Amino acid sequence: MKNKSVFSIIVPLYNKEKYISRAIYSALNQSFKNFEIIIVNDGSTDNSLNVVKEIKDSRIRIINQKNLGASNARNTGIKKAKSPYIAFLDADDEYMPFFLENIYKLIKEHKGYCFFATAYKKVAKKSDTEYYCGKKKIFNNINFLAKIAKTGKFFIHISSVVVKKTVFSDVGYFFSRSNKSYCGATIFEDIDLWIRISLKYDLVFLNKINAVYYTNTNINTVKGYKFSKMDCCFYEKTIKKLSHKKVGAIKAKYLKQILYYLRNASATQLYIRGYFDDALHILKKQPQTKNVKNLYQIIKIKNAINRLLPKG
């Protein structure tokens, strides 16, 4: 009798023909074998879909949809998943060989928990960074909100996270403006979801590198789509809404501090992409600490120079 699938690995795919086979094979080569891979082809216009079709494995399912953005693609995959646990893998990222086996051990050893993650390695163009949480091997009953609020470090990445499927019907899915239209090249949509999950579920975290996050690849975009502050700041509504609920004074304080970190990070991302007015708009909301003032001045100068440059 064939073993029942434990994990559904959701892979949103948009124009990643150079990297998608690396991601898929990192999943297929897992030491733990009871899983399915759901590739949500989000309207790719390159050769990505053909690359996937060339990989023959009965555990791979392909779902095609028009280009609605990564968040919508992940939500589609979650809803179509047949397994009790949802794992995420971006099309340009990679699992280490024992990722699923280690998560499965956590599930068995920490019964009743629904939110799992491991440390990960970030590979950039010039350097690599490893993200851990303290020095312990395993943290169970971890207060994710407290850790983020105190350190400002987002020590989990979407490709190192597994969530029990029932959690989504409880706290909702990834941010998406609509099920029918493109929801934007959003940033921090994963953090937005982890925050909502963390208010109800504690995190079990393995302090060992089990996934690789590559930033030296092309960013998912849509032709003709203009990135804006709205794609960075949807988490504002989430945090403000949660803060007004009866979450307690301590958690409300954590959420306020996390909002500060997210605004700074959003402004930086907008600055990198050349949306200086939107970046300045976000920073004006911030308490004027030294870091905020310095970033504000940098972006303000860059914006002034940009306005002097010839258009087109």
Foldseek 3Di string as FASTA:
>chain_A
DDDAAAEEEQEEDAAPQVAQVQAVVLVCLAPDHRYAYEYEDQQHPDCNVVSVVVDDDPRYDYHYDHHAEDQLSRVVSLVPDPHQKYAYDYSRKHWHRHLVVVVVVVCVVPPPAFKEFEWAWEAEPPDIDTAFQPDDQKDWQAQQLVSCLVPVDPRGDRNGIMGGSVVCVVQNGFDAPDNPHHRALADCSVVLSVLSSSLPGGYIYGGDHTMYHYPHDDRDDDPPDDHALCRQPPSVVSLVVVLPDPSDPVSNSSSVSNLQSSLQVSLVVCVVVPNLVRSLVSLVPHDDDPVSVVSNVVSVVVVVVVVPDDDD
